[in-house]
C-alpha atoms as a PDB file:
ATOM      1  CA  MET A   1      63.421  25.571 125.544  1.00  0.00           C
ATOM      2  CA  PHE A   2      64.507  28.981 126.795  1.00  0.00           C
ATOM      3  CA  SER A   3      67.625  27.538 128.435  1.00  0.00           C
ATOM      4  CA  ALA A   4      68.583  25.701 125.252  1.00  0.00           C
ATOM      5  CA  ILE A   5      68.338  28.882 123.182  1.00  0.00           C
ATOM      6  CA  ILE A   6      70.436  30.819 125.691  1.00  0.00           C
ATOM      7  CA  THR A   7      73.058  28.049 125.706  1.00  0.00           C
ATOM      8  CA  ILE A   8      73.209  27.967 121.901  1.00  0.00           C
ATOM      9  CA  THR A   9      73.480  31.768 121.829  1.00  0.00           C
ATOM     10  CA  LEU A  10      76.425  31.700 124.232  1.00  0.00           C
ATOM     11  CA  ILE A  11      78.219  29.033 122.196  1.00  0.00           C
ATOM     12  CA  LEU A  12      77.664  30.985 118.977  1.00  0.00           C
ATOM     13  CA  ALA A  13      78.912  34.151 120.681  1.00  0.00           C
ATOM     14  CA  PHE A  14      82.126  32.336 121.628  1.00  0.00           C
ATOM     15  CA  PHE A  15      82.620  31.235 118.005  1.00  0.00           C
ATOM     16  CA  LEU A  16      81.858  34.773 116.822  1.00  0.00           C
ATOM     17  CA  VAL A  17      84.647  36.147 119.021  1.00  0.00           C
ATOM     18  CA  ILE A  18      87.042  33.526 117.662  1.00  0.00           C
ATOM     19  CA  SER A  19      85.994  34.326 114.088  1.00  0.00           C
ATOM     20  CA  ILE A  20      86.601  38.028 114.636  1.00  0.00           C
ATOM     21  CA  LEU A  21      90.002  37.429 116.214  1.00  0.00           C
ATOM     22  CA  LEU A  22      91.105  35.209 113.333  1.00  0.00           C
ATOM     23  CA  GLN A  23      90.409  37.872 110.722  1.00  0.00           C
ATOM     24  CA  SER A  24      93.396  39.767 109.477  1.00  0.00           C
ATOM     25  CA  SER A  25      93.736  43.384 110.428  1.00  0.00           C
ATOM     26  CA  LYS A  26      96.046  45.915 108.783  1.00  0.00           C
ATOM     27  CA  GLY A  27      98.939  43.669 109.774  1.00  0.00           C
ATOM     28  CA  THR A  28      98.984  39.913 109.586  1.00  0.00           C
ATOM     29  CA  GLY A  29      96.247  39.339 112.140  1.00  0.00           C
ATOM     30  CA  LEU A  30      95.951  36.513 114.614  1.00  0.00           C
ATOM     31  CA  ALA A  31      95.465  33.837 111.947  1.00  0.00           C
ATOM     32  CA  GLY A  32      98.769  34.589 110.289  1.00  0.00           C
ATOM     33  CA  SER A  33     100.864  35.037 113.388  1.00  0.00           C
ATOM     34  CA  ALA A  34      99.442  32.327 115.627  1.00  0.00           C
ATOM     35  CA  PHE A  35      99.047  29.540 113.107  1.00  0.00           C
ATOM     36  CA  GLY A  36     102.036  30.251 110.914  1.00  0.00           C
ATOM     37  CA  SER A  37      99.882  31.127 107.886  1.00  0.00           C
ATOM     38  CA  GLY A  38      98.834  27.487 107.576  1.00  0.00           C
ATOM     39  CA  ALA A  39      95.262  28.349 106.640  1.00  0.00           C
ATOM     40  CA  SER A  40      96.427  30.839 104.045  1.00  0.00           C
ATOM     41  CA  ALA A  41      98.729  28.311 102.405  1.00  0.00           C
ATOM     42  CA  VAL A  42      95.930  25.780 101.978  1.00  0.00           C
ATOM     43  CA  MET A  43      93.078  28.018 100.833  1.00  0.00           C
ATOM     44  CA  GLY A  44      94.775  31.193  99.663  1.00  0.00           C
ATOM     45  CA  VAL A  45      94.730  34.539 101.405  1.00  0.00           C
ATOM     46  CA  ARG A  46      91.644  35.940  99.711  1.00  0.00           C
ATOM     47  CA  ARG A  47      89.517  32.818 100.109  1.00  0.00           C
ATOM     48  CA  THR A  48      90.424  32.607 103.801  1.00  0.00           C
ATOM     49  CA  ALA A  49      89.394  36.240 104.316  1.00  0.00           C
ATOM     50  CA  ASP A  50      86.125  35.651 102.466  1.00  0.00           C
ATOM     51  CA  LEU A  51      85.368  32.544 104.526  1.00  0.00           C
ATOM     52  CA  LEU A  52      86.038  34.314 107.834  1.00  0.00           C
ATOM     53  CA  SER A  53      83.998  37.328 106.754  1.00  0.00           C
ATOM     54  CA  ARG A  54      81.028  35.162 105.777  1.00  0.00           C
ATOM     55  CA  THR A  55      81.344  33.117 108.959  1.00  0.00           C
ATOM     56  CA  THR A  56      81.301  36.290 111.038  1.00  0.00           C
ATOM     57  CA  THR A  57      78.223  37.574 109.223  1.00  0.00           C
ATOM     58  CA  VAL A  58      76.330  34.292 109.552  1.00  0.00           C
ATOM     59  CA  LEU A  59      77.172  33.969 113.256  1.00  0.00           C
ATOM     60  CA  ALA A  60      76.098  37.560 113.945  1.00  0.00           C
ATOM     61  CA  VAL A  61      72.766  37.046 112.162  1.00  0.00           C
ATOM     62  CA  LEU A  62      72.146  33.764 114.001  1.00  0.00           C
ATOM     63  CA  ILE A  63      72.837  35.403 117.354  1.00  0.00           C
ATOM     64  CA  ALA A  64      70.476  38.279 116.540  1.00  0.00           C
ATOM     65  CA  VAL A  65      67.698  35.869 115.515  1.00  0.00           C
ATOM     66  CA  LEU A  66      68.192  33.747 118.633  1.00  0.00           C
ATOM     67  CA  CYS A  67      68.081  36.843 120.852  1.00  0.00           C
ATOM     68  CA  ILE A  68      64.792  37.930 119.307  1.00  0.00           C
ATOM     69  CA  LEU A  69      63.420  34.392 119.609  1.00  0.00           C
ATOM     70  CA  SER A  70      64.487  34.140 123.243  1.00  0.00           C
ATOM     71  CA  ASN A  71      62.641  37.376 123.973  1.00  0.00           C
ATOM     72  CA  PHE A  72      59.377  35.694 122.984  1.00  0.00           C
ATOM     73  CA  LEU A  73      60.166  32.600 125.035  1.00  0.00           C
ATOM     74  CA  ILE A  74      61.043  34.341 128.315  1.00  0.00           C
ATOM     75  CA  PRO A  75      59.134  32.658 131.112  1.00  0.00           C
ATOM     76  CA  ARG A  76      56.498  35.116 132.295  1.00  0.00           C
ATOM     77  CA  SER A  77      55.170  35.077 135.852  1.00  0.00           C
ATOM     78  CA  GLY A  78      51.573  36.154 136.286  1.00  0.00           C
ATOM     79  CA  THR A  79      49.306  37.737 133.745  1.00  0.00           C
ATOM     80  CA  SER A  80      49.802  41.411 134.587  1.00  0.00           C
ATOM     81  CA  GLU A  81      51.350  43.717 132.047  1.00  0.00           C
ATOM     82  CA  GLY A  82      54.361  45.901 132.752  1.00  0.00           C
ATOM     83  CA  SER A  83      58.073  45.467 133.057  1.00  0.00           C
ATOM     84  CA  PHE A  84      59.953  43.703 135.791  1.00  0.00           C
ATOM     85  CA  ILE A  85      61.699  46.942 136.753  1.00  0.00           C
ATOM     86  CA  ASP A  86      58.395  48.772 137.177  1.00  0.00           C
ATOM     87  CA  LYS A  87      57.071  45.992 139.387  1.00  0.00           C
ATOM     88  CA  ALA A  88      60.194  45.932 141.549  1.00  0.00           C
ATOM     89  CA  GLY A  89      60.388  49.730 141.817  1.00  0.00           C
ATOM     90  CA  ASN A  90      56.815  50.187 143.041  1.00  0.00           C
ATOM     91  CA  LYS A  91      57.209  48.039 146.138  1.00  0.00           C
ATOM     92  CA  ALA A  92      57.615  49.966 149.372  1.00  0.00           C
ATOM     93  CA  PRO A  93      60.204  48.786 151.898  1.00  0.00           C
ATOM     94  CA  ALA A  94      58.855  46.690 154.761  1.00  0.00           C
ATOM     95  CA  SER A  95      59.783  49.228 157.434  1.00  0.00           C
ATOM     96  CA  ALA A  96      60.144  52.723 156.052  1.00  0.00           C
ATOM     97  CA  PRO A  97      61.858  55.226 158.332  1.00  0.00           C
ATOM     98  CA  ALA A  98      59.619  57.908 159.781  1.00  0.00           C
ATOM     99  CA  GLN A  99      59.820  61.298 158.119  1.00  0.00           C
ATOM    100  CA  PRO A 100      60.723  64.113 160.494  1.00  0.00           C
ATOM    101  CA  GLY A 101      57.989  66.715 160.793  1.00  0.00           C
ATOM    102  CA  LYS A 102      58.571  70.411 160.271  1.00  0.00           C
END
């Protein structure tokens, strides 16, 4: 289940990047220059901007929800509390060098 959520999140992130790049900036934007304003001619400039803006918002919310959901589904090893970094940082090296005496 965890792998499926991560995969869906990555796919949605790809579509979010595409949605952001298609939005018009101060100039014509990628949608106007790359596609010859084909989308604008069919739907109108304002409706296209509204659709891309809503798509961006929906994708961002979905990604945020999936990230929070994946946090609860992370496979946990063992029953001890604490973070992975704390556990890894507390381990001593197998052969520590001897400290020189003063």
